[in-house]
Protein backbone atom coordinates (compact mmCIF):
# COMPACT_ATOMS: atom_id res chain seq x y z
CA MET A 1 0.04 -0.21 0.05
CA GLU A 2 1.33 3.27 -0.67
CA LYS A 3 2.01 6.08 1.63
CA ASN A 4 -1.10 8.36 0.36
CA GLU A 5 -3.20 5.20 0.68
CA ARG A 6 -1.79 4.37 4.10
CA LEU A 7 -2.59 7.78 5.25
CA GLU A 8 -6.17 7.88 3.91
CA LEU A 9 -7.02 4.41 5.74
CA ALA A 10 -5.54 5.93 8.61
CA GLU A 11 -7.94 8.49 8.61
CA LEU A 12 -10.75 5.94 7.60
CA LEU A 13 -10.32 4.25 10.46
CA PHE A 14 -9.68 6.89 12.98
CA PRO A 15 -11.44 10.19 11.92
CA ASN A 16 -12.23 11.45 15.58
CA ILE A 17 -8.16 10.99 16.39
CA THR A 18 -6.64 15.02 15.63
CA LYS A 19 -3.67 14.33 18.07
CA THR A 20 -0.39 13.20 16.79
CA ARG A 21 2.36 11.58 18.71
CA ASN A 22 4.26 14.61 18.81
CA TYR A 23 1.72 16.01 21.12
CA TYR A 24 2.09 13.66 23.67
CA GLU A 25 5.78 12.97 23.61
CA GLU A 26 5.64 17.26 24.69
CA LEU A 27 2.67 16.54 27.20
CA TYR A 28 4.76 13.93 28.89
CA PRO A 29 8.46 15.44 28.87
CA GLU A 30 11.15 13.32 30.67
CA ARG A 31 10.73 13.47 34.42
CA ASN A 32 13.23 15.92 36.45
CA LEU A 33 14.83 13.21 39.12
CA PRO A 34 18.04 12.61 40.11
CA GLU A 35 20.91 10.39 38.42
CA GLY A 36 19.99 6.84 39.36
CA ALA A 37 16.10 7.49 40.20
CA MET A 38 13.85 4.49 39.58
CA VAL A 39 10.21 4.89 38.14
CA THR A 40 8.29 1.87 38.72
CA ARG A 41 5.09 1.03 38.62
CA PHE A 42 2.65 -1.24 40.20
CA GLY A 43 -0.22 -2.17 37.20
CA PRO A 44 -3.11 -4.12 38.99
CA SER A 45 -6.45 -5.14 37.20
CA PRO A 46 -9.57 -4.50 39.25
CA THR A 47 -10.68 -7.69 39.27
CA GLY A 48 -11.30 -7.92 42.85
CA PHE A 49 -8.94 -8.10 46.32
CA VAL A 50 -5.20 -7.79 46.06
CA HIS A 51 -3.48 -11.08 46.46
CA MET A 52 -0.36 -11.51 48.06
CA GLY A 53 1.45 -12.21 44.83
CA SER A 54 0.27 -8.48 43.85
CA LEU A 55 1.14 -7.25 47.30
CA PHE A 56 4.75 -8.47 46.88
CA GLY A 57 5.02 -6.53 43.52
CA SER A 58 3.96 -3.42 44.84
CA PHE A 59 6.05 -3.65 47.87
CA ILE A 60 9.00 -4.35 45.22
CA ASP A 61 8.34 -1.38 43.24
CA SER A 62 7.58 0.75 46.15
CA ILE A 63 11.23 0.05 47.71
CA TYR A 64 13.33 0.35 44.67
CA ALA A 65 11.73 4.04 43.75
CA ARG A 66 12.16 5.34 47.53
CA GLN A 67 15.71 3.82 48.33
CA SER A 68 16.81 5.84 44.83
CA ASN A 69 14.79 8.67 45.34
CA GLY A 70 12.57 7.93 42.48
CA VAL A 71 8.84 7.83 41.60
CA PHE A 72 6.00 4.53 42.54
CA PHE A 73 3.22 5.13 40.59
CA LEU A 74 0.14 2.96 40.11
CA ARG A 75 -1.43 2.62 37.02
CA VAL A 76 -4.79 0.64 36.88
CA GLU A 77 -4.89 -1.82 33.97
CA ASP A 78 -8.69 -2.30 33.08
CA THR A 79 -8.21 -2.97 29.65
CA ASP A 80 -10.23 -6.43 30.10
CA GLN A 81 -13.61 -5.00 31.06
CA LYS A 82 -15.00 -8.34 31.24
CA ARG A 83 -12.96 -9.11 34.53
CA SER A 84 -13.22 -5.84 35.90
CA VAL A 85 -15.31 -5.96 38.99
CA GLU A 86 -17.49 -2.95 40.41
CA ASN A 87 -15.67 -0.51 43.04
CA GLY A 88 -12.18 -3.02 41.96
CA VAL A 89 -9.87 0.34 41.99
CA GLU A 90 -11.20 1.09 45.61
CA GLY A 91 -10.41 -2.18 46.44
CA ILE A 92 -7.26 -1.88 45.26
CA PHE A 93 -5.94 1.43 46.94
CA GLN A 94 -7.85 0.21 50.34
CA ASP A 95 -5.78 -2.92 50.29
CA LEU A 96 -2.83 -0.78 49.68
CA ASN A 97 -3.32 1.76 52.07
CA SER A 98 -3.96 -0.76 54.90
CA PHE A 99 -0.40 -1.76 54.27
CA ASP A 100 1.40 1.41 53.96
CA ILE A 101 1.95 1.26 50.37
CA ILE A 102 1.21 4.76 48.59
CA PRO A 103 1.81 5.30 45.59
CA ASP A 104 3.50 8.86 44.37
CA GLU A 105 1.47 9.15 41.55
CA SER A 106 -2.19 7.17 40.90
CA THR A 107 -5.58 7.97 40.16
CA MET A 108 -6.39 8.69 43.65
CA VAL A 109 -3.41 11.42 44.49
CA GLY A 110 -3.19 12.30 40.98
CA GLY A 111 0.15 13.05 39.17
CA ASN A 112 1.86 14.76 35.82
CA TYR A 113 1.60 11.94 33.86
CA GLY A 114 -2.07 10.73 34.07
CA PRO A 115 -4.64 9.11 33.17
CA TYR A 116 -3.63 6.57 35.31
CA ILE A 117 -6.62 4.41 34.56
CA GLN A 118 -5.89 2.47 30.80
CA SER A 119 -9.51 2.79 29.96
CA GLU A 120 -9.04 6.48 30.38
CA ARG A 121 -6.32 6.79 28.01
CA ALA A 122 -8.14 5.19 24.92
CA GLU A 123 -7.16 8.16 22.94
CA ILE A 124 -3.66 7.96 23.15
CA TYR A 125 -3.57 4.62 22.20
CA GLN A 126 -5.45 5.08 19.01
CA THR A 127 -3.48 8.28 18.48
CA TYR A 128 0.04 5.93 18.22
CA VAL A 129 -1.95 3.33 16.14
CA LYS A 130 -3.36 5.82 13.89
CA ASP A 131 0.24 6.47 13.47
CA MET A 132 1.49 3.04 13.11
CA ILE A 133 -1.25 2.44 10.52
CA ALA A 134 -0.01 5.51 8.24
CA ASN A 135 3.50 4.45 8.54
CA GLY A 136 2.30 0.77 7.48
CA LEU A 137 3.30 -0.78 10.87
CA ALA A 138 -0.11 -1.93 11.63
CA TYR A 139 -3.51 -3.09 9.83
CA PRO A 140 -6.94 -3.63 10.10
CA CYS A 141 -7.82 -7.59 10.81
CA PHE A 142 -11.43 -8.70 9.76
CA MET A 143 -10.91 -12.30 10.54
CA SER A 144 -13.81 -13.93 12.69
CA GLU A 145 -13.88 -15.84 15.85
CA GLU A 146 -14.71 -19.14 13.72
CA GLU A 147 -11.99 -18.70 11.24
CA LEU A 148 -9.04 -17.72 13.99
CA ALA A 149 -10.44 -20.77 15.53
CA ASN A 150 -10.27 -22.84 12.31
CA ILE A 151 -6.19 -21.49 11.68
CA ARG A 152 -5.56 -22.46 15.12
CA GLU A 153 -6.98 -26.14 14.56
CA GLU A 154 -4.99 -26.02 11.26
CA GLN A 155 -1.73 -25.22 13.53
CA GLU A 156 -2.27 -27.83 16.14
CA ILE A 157 -2.68 -30.40 12.92
CA ASN A 158 0.20 -29.56 11.52
CA LYS A 159 2.28 -29.20 15.35
CA VAL A 160 2.90 -25.61 14.17
CA ARG A 161 2.91 -22.55 16.71
CA THR A 162 -0.28 -20.87 17.00
CA GLY A 163 -1.11 -17.36 16.43
CA VAL A 164 -1.83 -14.77 13.25
CA TYR A 165 1.69 -14.49 11.51
CA GLY A 166 3.08 -15.40 7.93
CA ILE A 167 0.53 -17.30 5.90
CA TYR A 168 -1.62 -17.38 8.66
CA ALA A 169 -2.26 -13.55 8.53
CA ALA A 170 -4.70 -13.48 6.09
CA ASP A 171 -5.61 -9.49 6.20
CA ARG A 172 -1.92 -8.32 6.47
CA ASP A 173 -1.88 -7.38 2.61
CA LEU A 174 -5.32 -6.49 1.78
CA SER A 175 -5.68 -3.23 -0.48
CA LEU A 176 -7.19 -0.13 0.68
CA ASP A 177 -10.42 -0.75 -1.50
CA GLU A 178 -10.91 -4.28 -0.01
CA ILE A 179 -10.69 -2.73 3.72
CA LYS A 180 -13.17 0.08 2.26
CA GLU A 181 -15.85 -2.49 0.97
CA LYS A 182 -15.58 -4.82 4.27
CA ILE A 183 -15.80 -1.52 6.43
CA SER A 184 -19.18 -0.46 4.20
CA ASN A 185 -20.33 -4.33 4.59
CA GLY A 186 -20.27 -3.52 8.49
CA GLU A 187 -17.83 -6.30 9.24
CA GLU A 188 -16.00 -5.72 12.56
CA TYR A 189 -12.32 -5.57 13.06
CA VAL A 190 -9.22 -5.36 15.21
CA ILE A 191 -6.12 -3.61 14.80
CA ARG A 192 -2.76 -6.14 14.49
CA LEU A 193 1.05 -5.18 14.59
CA LYS A 194 2.18 -5.81 10.91
CA SER A 195 5.38 -7.66 12.57
CA PRO A 196 8.70 -7.50 10.98
CA GLY A 197 10.59 -9.88 12.74
CA ASN A 198 11.69 -13.58 11.75
CA PRO A 199 11.80 -16.08 14.37
CA LYS A 200 15.05 -17.41 12.39
CA ASN A 201 16.54 -14.49 14.36
CA THR A 202 17.81 -13.95 18.16
CA VAL A 203 16.84 -10.99 20.41
CA GLU A 204 18.18 -10.88 23.73
CA ILE A 205 18.11 -8.51 26.86
CA GLU A 206 19.88 -8.45 30.37
CA ASP A 207 17.31 -9.15 32.92
CA LEU A 208 18.30 -7.52 36.14
CA ILE A 209 17.39 -10.57 37.97
CA LYS A 210 17.46 -13.40 35.79
CA GLY A 211 20.50 -12.26 33.88
CA LYS A 212 20.93 -12.45 30.08
CA MET A 213 18.03 -13.95 28.34
CA LYS A 214 17.57 -15.30 24.66
CA PHE A 215 14.49 -15.67 22.70
CA PRO A 216 13.73 -16.34 18.92
CA GLU A 217 12.60 -12.92 17.26
CA SER A 218 8.61 -12.22 17.02
CA ASP A 219 7.00 -12.99 14.04
CA GLU A 220 3.23 -12.66 15.43
CA ASP A 221 0.92 -9.73 14.40
CA PHE A 222 -0.56 -9.91 17.42
CA VAL A 223 -3.70 -7.72 18.03
CA LEU A 224 -2.51 -3.77 19.22
CA LEU A 225 -6.31 -2.68 19.24
CA LYS A 226 -9.32 -4.85 20.24
CA LYS A 227 -13.02 -4.35 18.27
CA ASP A 228 -14.10 -1.69 20.94
CA GLY A 229 -11.33 0.42 20.28
CA ILE A 230 -9.48 -0.48 23.79
CA PRO A 231 -5.92 -1.62 23.65
CA THR A 232 -4.49 -4.92 24.42
CA TYR A 233 -2.09 -5.27 27.71
CA HIS A 234 0.80 -5.70 25.24
CA PHE A 235 0.54 -2.56 23.46
CA ALA A 236 -1.03 -0.50 26.29
CA HIS A 237 2.22 -1.42 28.94
CA ALA A 238 4.32 0.00 25.89
CA ILE A 239 2.73 3.08 25.15
CA ASP A 240 2.35 4.13 28.73
CA ASP A 241 5.70 2.92 30.04
CA HIS A 242 7.41 4.99 27.29
CA LEU A 243 5.13 8.32 28.03
CA MET A 244 4.99 7.74 31.72
CA HIS A 245 9.03 7.17 31.66
CA THR A 246 9.08 4.02 33.65
CA THR A 247 12.90 2.79 34.14
CA HIS A 248 12.12 -0.45 35.55
CA VAL A 249 9.54 -2.70 34.90
CA ILE A 250 9.31 -5.21 37.86
CA ARG A 251 7.12 -7.94 37.52
CA GLY A 252 6.46 -11.40 38.15
CA ASP A 253 8.45 -14.14 35.43
CA GLU A 254 4.64 -15.27 34.00
CA TRP A 255 5.70 -12.29 31.50
CA VAL A 256 9.15 -13.45 30.44
CA SER A 257 6.92 -15.36 27.47
CA SER A 258 5.52 -11.91 26.67
CA VAL A 259 9.27 -10.42 26.31
CA PRO A 260 9.90 -10.83 22.18
CA LYS A 261 6.89 -9.02 21.73
CA HIS A 262 7.53 -6.22 23.92
CA LEU A 263 10.96 -5.64 22.64
CA GLN A 264 9.43 -5.80 18.80
CA LEU A 265 6.78 -3.23 20.24
CA PHE A 266 9.46 -1.12 21.67
CA ASN A 267 11.45 -1.05 18.51
CA VAL A 268 9.07 -0.37 15.97
CA LEU A 269 7.54 2.68 18.13
CA GLY A 270 11.32 3.99 18.60
CA PHE A 271 11.30 3.90 21.91
CA ASP A 272 14.22 3.23 24.43
CA LEU A 273 13.85 0.21 26.15
CA PRO A 274 13.23 0.13 30.27
CA ASN A 275 15.10 -2.29 32.46
CA PHE A 276 13.17 -5.40 32.68
CA CYS A 277 13.21 -7.41 35.98
CA HIS A 278 11.28 -10.42 36.11
CA HIS A 279 10.98 -11.67 39.59
CA ALA A 280 9.77 -15.56 40.71
CA PRO A 281 6.45 -15.76 41.93
CA ILE A 282 5.68 -16.89 45.43
CA THR A 283 5.15 -20.48 45.69
CA LYS A 284 3.48 -23.04 47.96
CA LYS A 285 3.22 -26.89 48.66
CA ASP A 286 -0.15 -28.12 48.03
CA GLU A 287 -0.89 -30.41 50.58
CA GLU A 288 -3.49 -32.50 48.70
CA THR A 289 -1.13 -33.12 45.81
CA GLY A 290 2.53 -32.43 47.38
CA THR A 291 3.47 -30.61 44.23
CA ILE A 292 4.54 -26.91 44.03
CA ARG A 293 2.34 -24.09 42.92
CA LYS A 294 1.60 -20.35 43.00
CA LEU A 295 -0.35 -19.28 45.96
CA SER A 296 -4.10 -19.61 44.63
CA LYS A 297 -6.88 -16.87 45.69
CA ARG A 298 -9.10 -19.54 45.20
CA LYS A 299 -7.01 -22.08 47.86
CA ASP A 300 -5.32 -20.19 50.51
CA PRO A 301 -6.71 -17.95 52.78
CA GLU A 302 -3.37 -16.24 53.10
CA ALA A 303 -3.47 -14.88 49.69
CA ALA A 304 -5.80 -12.31 50.10
CA VAL A 305 -4.11 -9.37 51.86
CA SER A 306 -7.12 -8.88 54.18
CA TYR A 307 -6.57 -12.25 55.91
CA TYR A 308 -3.62 -10.89 58.02
CA ASP A 309 -5.67 -8.02 59.65
CA GLU A 310 -8.24 -10.16 60.59
CA VAL A 311 -6.27 -12.58 62.05
CA GLY A 312 -4.13 -10.29 63.89
CA ILE A 313 -0.53 -10.36 62.06
CA PRO A 314 0.60 -7.06 62.00
CA ILE A 315 1.31 -5.16 58.84
CA ASP A 316 4.83 -4.25 59.29
CA ALA A 317 5.51 -7.87 60.07
CA VAL A 318 4.09 -9.34 57.09
CA LYS A 319 6.34 -6.44 55.17
CA LEU A 320 9.30 -7.51 56.79
CA TYR A 321 8.61 -10.68 55.70
CA LEU A 322 8.18 -9.71 51.95
CA ALA A 323 11.54 -8.08 52.48
CA THR A 324 13.14 -11.18 53.60
CA ILE A 325 11.72 -12.98 50.13
CA LEU A 326 12.56 -9.80 48.45
CA ASN A 327 16.61 -10.33 49.09
CA SER A 328 18.32 -13.35 50.41
CA ASN A 329 20.51 -11.57 52.93
CA PHE A 330 17.75 -9.05 54.86
CA GLU A 331 16.77 -11.93 57.23
CA GLU A 332 20.50 -12.03 58.70
CA TRP A 333 20.75 -8.24 58.47
CA TYR A 334 17.53 -7.53 60.55
CA LEU A 335 18.66 -9.94 63.08
CA GLU A 336 22.00 -8.55 63.74
CA ASN A 337 20.15 -4.95 63.33
CA THR A 338 17.79 -4.97 66.35
CA ASP A 339 17.46 -1.25 66.18
CA LYS A 340 16.73 -0.85 62.48
CA SER A 341 13.39 -1.41 59.86
CA PHE A 342 13.49 -2.67 56.50
CA LYS A 343 13.54 1.01 55.46
CA ASP A 344 16.91 1.40 56.56
CA PHE A 345 18.45 -1.71 54.20
CA THR A 346 19.47 -1.29 50.99
CA PHE A 347 17.78 -3.87 48.19
CA THR A 348 19.12 -4.97 45.24
CA PHE A 349 18.32 -6.76 42.18
CA ASP A 350 21.12 -9.40 42.79
CA LYS A 351 20.05 -10.39 45.68
CA MET A 352 16.62 -11.51 44.55
CA ALA A 353 15.51 -15.12 43.80
CA VAL A 354 15.78 -16.37 40.42
CA GLY A 355 13.54 -19.41 41.13
CA GLY A 356 10.06 -19.53 43.06
CA THR A 357 9.58 -18.58 46.42
CA SER A 358 8.16 -20.72 49.05
CA PHE A 359 5.64 -18.83 51.16
CA ASP A 360 6.42 -20.17 54.40
CA LEU A 361 3.94 -19.47 57.13
CA GLU A 362 5.87 -20.39 60.03
CA LYS A 363 9.08 -18.19 59.18
CA LEU A 364 6.27 -15.36 58.97
CA THR A 365 5.22 -16.41 62.55
CA ASN A 366 8.84 -16.01 63.63
CA ILE A 367 9.30 -13.10 62.06
CA ALA A 368 6.29 -11.82 63.85
CA LYS A 369 7.29 -13.17 67.09
CA THR A 370 10.47 -10.90 66.52
CA TYR A 371 8.77 -7.57 65.71
CA PHE A 372 6.67 -7.61 68.88
CA SER A 373 9.85 -8.57 71.00
CA ARG A 374 11.25 -5.29 69.67
CA LYS A 375 8.08 -3.54 70.36
CA SER A 376 7.48 -1.89 74.14
CA GLY A 377 4.54 -2.99 76.26
CA GLU A 378 2.91 0.27 75.54
CA GLU A 379 3.16 -0.08 71.68
CA VAL A 380 2.13 -3.71 71.60
CA TYR A 381 -0.95 -2.72 74.04
CA GLU A 382 -1.97 0.70 71.39
CA GLU A 383 -1.51 -1.76 68.61
CA THR A 384 -3.65 -4.70 69.95
CA TYR A 385 -6.05 -2.38 70.94
CA SER A 386 -6.40 -0.48 67.76
CA TRP A 387 -6.44 -4.18 66.18
CA ALA A 388 -9.43 -4.77 68.61
CA LYS A 389 -11.25 -2.17 67.97
CA ARG A 390 -11.95 -3.59 64.18
CA HIS A 391 -12.18 -7.23 65.08
CA ASP A 392 -13.23 -7.93 68.63
CA ALA A 393 -14.95 -5.18 70.43
CA GLU A 394 -15.77 -7.06 73.71
CA TYR A 395 -12.18 -7.62 74.17
CA ALA A 396 -10.90 -3.79 73.16
CA GLU A 397 -13.50 -2.96 75.97
CA ILE A 398 -12.00 -5.11 78.28
CA LEU A 399 -8.14 -3.27 77.63
CA GLU A 400 -9.36 -0.07 77.49
CA GLU A 401 -10.86 -1.11 81.45
CA ASN A 402 -7.50 -2.30 82.33
CA LYS A 403 -5.10 -0.39 80.24
CA ASP A 404 -2.63 0.41 83.17
CA ASP A 405 -1.84 -3.14 84.37
CA MET A 406 -1.71 -4.65 80.51
CA ILE A 407 0.77 -2.26 79.64
CA LYS A 408 2.44 -3.54 83.01
CA PHE A 409 2.18 -7.10 81.99
CA LEU A 410 3.21 -6.49 78.21
CA SER A 411 6.41 -5.18 79.31
CA ILE A 412 7.54 -8.06 81.31
CA GLU A 413 10.83 -9.48 79.92
CA LYS A 414 11.41 -6.76 77.49
CA ASP A 415 14.37 -4.85 78.74
CA GLY A 416 16.86 -7.67 78.12
CA ASP A 417 19.24 -9.01 75.75
CA ARG A 418 16.82 -11.71 74.79
CA PRO A 419 13.23 -10.29 74.87
CA ARG A 420 10.57 -12.78 75.14
CA LYS A 421 8.86 -14.10 71.79
CA ASP A 422 5.52 -15.40 72.81
CA ILE A 423 3.33 -12.99 70.62
CA ALA A 424 2.97 -13.60 66.75
CA LYS A 425 -0.37 -11.90 66.02
CA TYR A 426 -2.40 -9.57 67.81
CA SER A 427 -4.99 -12.16 68.86
CA ASP A 428 -2.44 -13.72 70.97
CA VAL A 429 -2.21 -11.49 73.53
CA LYS A 430 -5.82 -12.22 74.30
CA GLU A 431 -4.55 -15.85 74.10
CA GLU A 432 -0.91 -15.47 76.24
CA PHE A 433 -2.01 -12.89 78.83
CA SER A 434 -5.46 -14.37 79.83
CA TYR A 435 -4.21 -14.38 83.23
CA ALA A 436 -3.79 -10.87 83.59
CA ILE A 437 -7.53 -9.79 83.45
CA ASP A 438 -9.80 -10.96 86.11
CA SER A 439 -12.39 -11.13 84.13
CA ILE A 440 -11.14 -13.38 81.54
CA PHE A 441 -8.93 -15.27 83.98
CA LYS A 442 -11.92 -16.42 86.04
CA ALA A 443 -13.78 -17.21 82.67
CA GLU A 444 -11.40 -19.51 82.10
CA ASN A 445 -10.10 -20.68 85.26
CA TYR A 446 -7.51 -23.25 84.57
CA SER A 447 -8.58 -24.58 81.34
CA LYS A 448 -4.74 -23.99 79.99
CA PHE A 449 -3.62 -25.99 83.06
CA ASP A 450 -3.99 -30.33 82.11
CA GLY A 451 -5.26 -30.77 85.38
CA GLU A 452 -3.05 -34.00 86.05
CA LYS A 453 -0.22 -32.85 88.25
CA LYS A 454 -1.23 -32.09 92.02
CA TYR A 455 -0.05 -29.19 93.94
CA ASP A 456 0.14 -28.47 97.16
CA VAL A 457 -1.91 -25.51 98.30
CA ALA A 458 -1.34 -25.27 101.78
CA LEU A 459 2.16 -25.14 100.77
CA VAL A 460 1.57 -21.75 98.63
CA THR A 461 -0.81 -20.08 100.70
CA ASP A 462 1.85 -20.58 103.70
CA TYR A 463 4.55 -19.52 101.18
CA VAL A 464 2.12 -16.58 100.16
CA GLU A 465 0.94 -15.55 103.33
CA ASN A 466 4.45 -15.71 105.46
CA THR A 467 7.25 -15.00 103.32
CA LEU A 468 6.09 -13.48 100.05
CA ASN A 469 7.56 -9.96 99.39
CA LEU A 470 6.32 -8.32 96.17
CA ASP A 471 8.52 -4.87 97.50
CA THR A 472 11.59 -6.10 96.65
CA THR A 473 14.25 -7.46 93.71
CA ASN A 474 13.73 -10.29 91.71
CA GLU A 475 16.89 -11.58 92.66
CA GLU A 476 16.11 -11.00 96.46
CA TRP A 477 12.57 -12.28 95.90
CA PHE A 478 14.21 -15.85 94.21
CA THR A 479 16.51 -16.15 97.27
CA ALA A 480 13.76 -15.77 99.74
CA VAL A 481 11.30 -18.55 97.68
CA LYS A 482 14.60 -20.55 97.58
CA GLU A 483 15.28 -20.27 101.32
CA PHE A 484 11.39 -21.21 102.20
CA ALA A 485 11.72 -24.09 99.72
CA VAL A 486 14.62 -25.65 101.18
CA ALA A 487 12.85 -25.20 104.89
CA ASN A 488 10.21 -27.18 103.86
CA GLY A 489 11.97 -30.33 102.21
CA PHE A 490 12.54 -29.28 98.92
CA ALA A 491 16.15 -29.21 97.43
CA GLY A 492 17.68 -25.76 96.38
CA SER A 493 18.46 -26.41 92.69
CA PRO A 494 17.36 -29.17 90.08
CA LYS A 495 21.04 -30.43 90.09
CA ASP A 496 21.01 -31.24 94.20
CA TYR A 497 17.74 -32.95 93.70
CA LYS A 498 18.97 -35.09 90.98
CA LYS A 499 22.21 -36.23 93.14
CA ASP A 500 19.36 -37.50 95.79
CA PRO A 501 15.74 -37.69 94.77
CA GLU A 502 14.51 -39.47 97.60
CA SER A 503 15.82 -37.10 100.27
CA TYR A 504 13.49 -34.01 98.90
CA LYS A 505 9.64 -33.55 98.47
CA GLY A 506 11.23 -31.76 94.77
CA HIS A 507 13.08 -28.93 94.06
CA VAL A 508 12.65 -24.72 94.23
CA GLY A 509 11.57 -24.96 90.37
CA ASP A 510 8.71 -27.29 91.56
CA LEU A 511 7.57 -25.29 94.01
CA CYS A 512 8.09 -22.26 91.63
CA GLU A 513 5.79 -24.20 89.30
CA ALA A 514 3.09 -24.64 91.92
CA ILE A 515 2.64 -20.78 92.24
CA ARG A 516 2.67 -20.34 88.58
CA VAL A 517 -0.24 -22.97 87.93
CA MET A 518 -1.99 -21.37 90.74
CA VAL A 519 -1.36 -17.65 89.81
CA THR A 520 -1.57 -18.23 85.96
CA GLY A 521 -3.28 -21.40 85.28
CA ARG A 522 -0.24 -22.53 83.02
CA THR A 523 3.27 -24.10 83.77
CA LYS A 524 5.17 -21.54 81.74
CA SER A 525 4.55 -17.82 81.77
CA PRO A 526 6.49 -14.81 81.57
CA ASP A 527 8.68 -14.00 84.28
CA LEU A 528 6.70 -15.14 87.58
CA PHE A 529 7.76 -12.54 90.15
CA SER A 530 6.92 -9.49 87.57
CA ILE A 531 3.20 -11.19 87.39
CA MET A 532 2.90 -11.24 91.12
CA LYS A 533 4.21 -7.68 91.45
CA VAL A 534 1.22 -6.70 89.14
CA LEU A 535 -1.38 -8.55 90.17
CA GLY A 536 -0.50 -7.81 93.79
CA LYS A 537 -1.08 -10.36 97.13
CA ASP A 538 -4.65 -9.94 97.09
CA LYS A 539 -5.67 -11.08 93.84
CA ILE A 540 -2.46 -13.99 94.32
CA LYS A 541 -4.49 -15.33 97.13
CA GLU A 542 -8.10 -15.19 95.55
CA ARG A 543 -6.27 -17.60 92.87
CA ILE A 544 -4.91 -19.86 95.31
CA GLU A 545 -8.29 -20.14 96.29
CA MET A 546 -9.63 -20.48 93.36
CA PHE A 547 -7.13 -23.15 92.89
CA LYS A 548 -8.24 -24.54 95.62
CA ASN A 549 -11.49 -25.05 94.26
CA TYR A 550 -10.04 -26.01 91.25
CA GLN A 551 -8.40 -28.82 92.62
CA GLY A 552 -10.82 -30.21 94.81
């Protein structure tokens, strides 16, 4: 087709498009950023809740943009209108906001490179397609779904690649008159790339995560604009990342197979290539089959980001876990730097996993315990109270009524070199510190104690009445309880007891266990003396009486 015919065809197909490529190139100039600044983007589809894989992707984008003094923007990729759900965009922002992942630019906060919803950028895409048609780089294709299905069937029978390319691109060389006739007959069409590629040639990129990757050059005349004038992901991605000046396309490696198409698009359009960074998916071992699969929204409740707030796992603990997935050397650094957060760490692409990353709920639990261990008792209280107001109103009211004592309990064993790690989620506070609040303790009594072992209530009563002194230090308290134990036939240490068990009723630890069970209802707890100091002698006596009735 001659140039004048191509220009006529472009006007025929897009009579309402009056702007030019140059208009948009000037409208969206290069960003004024410092050298090395990364411009990253998160491109979710409004198809439901944000899942863990998407959260991980947005976390990566935000991390690299922030630490390089760059820009992280959110672009809603809603070109597949059939999959979009009502309030899907709002849901995305709510999920990200709950994790404090706030884009610098988006449809919510604005920016100079919008619109940030692809369905609102239709005129931009059509302008570039019109220019491509005028330059012989694209063409209208009128093949019906039935014709495409027949081509695919033929290709499968002949065991060749499926798709519209070469001899299978039936409308590639239609004349202007033939196109006009089809349009006048009301035939629907899509716009396809007129691929200049040859699969015998090789293209390659240096992926910042996976390293050098080579592919056969694409020769597929894939769709640029669908029948409704909305672009495919491939085309929209190229136009948007160019005009928004994305420097690093960071995405899941399910897009690796599309790289040849994207390389060709950028080349055909005359765009500079961004850096490609394909990260490994988050995987999980299927309990039924034993196979490794991607984390599934349908099968795995932990795939939904809302799950973590519901069960009470702190948002920052989840982000710490994502940081351990992001860089293999982060966890060791975090454990060594007790006064730092993930924001103080410098993440690099070379420390990102090339293969799949297994989702490890046990590791997340351990990280959450470390997170809580570094919080003060008051911080744990405030965060737990905030969570309870959303998910357990009754417990929130109890916390509010017992605030001062709860902070004291939560502060026990927080100041040493090895702060306790008994909490992994906010709901654990209610469980692990049930002994701290009378109303909960009385309701549960000694349900956390197995009840098989008998304890000497009279002996403990004697100790509390005549020996226990709460106005002393922990060391002085233990010395006194040890002396009381020895005076009543117990060994002063487990070591002494093991030497001659027949000569003793037990050892001092057995007496402390009896006190602990009566006071807390469990055989293990944070520091016993600290607990008793908060409770006070009167409550201790009440609980001993309760245990007496329980044991019978």
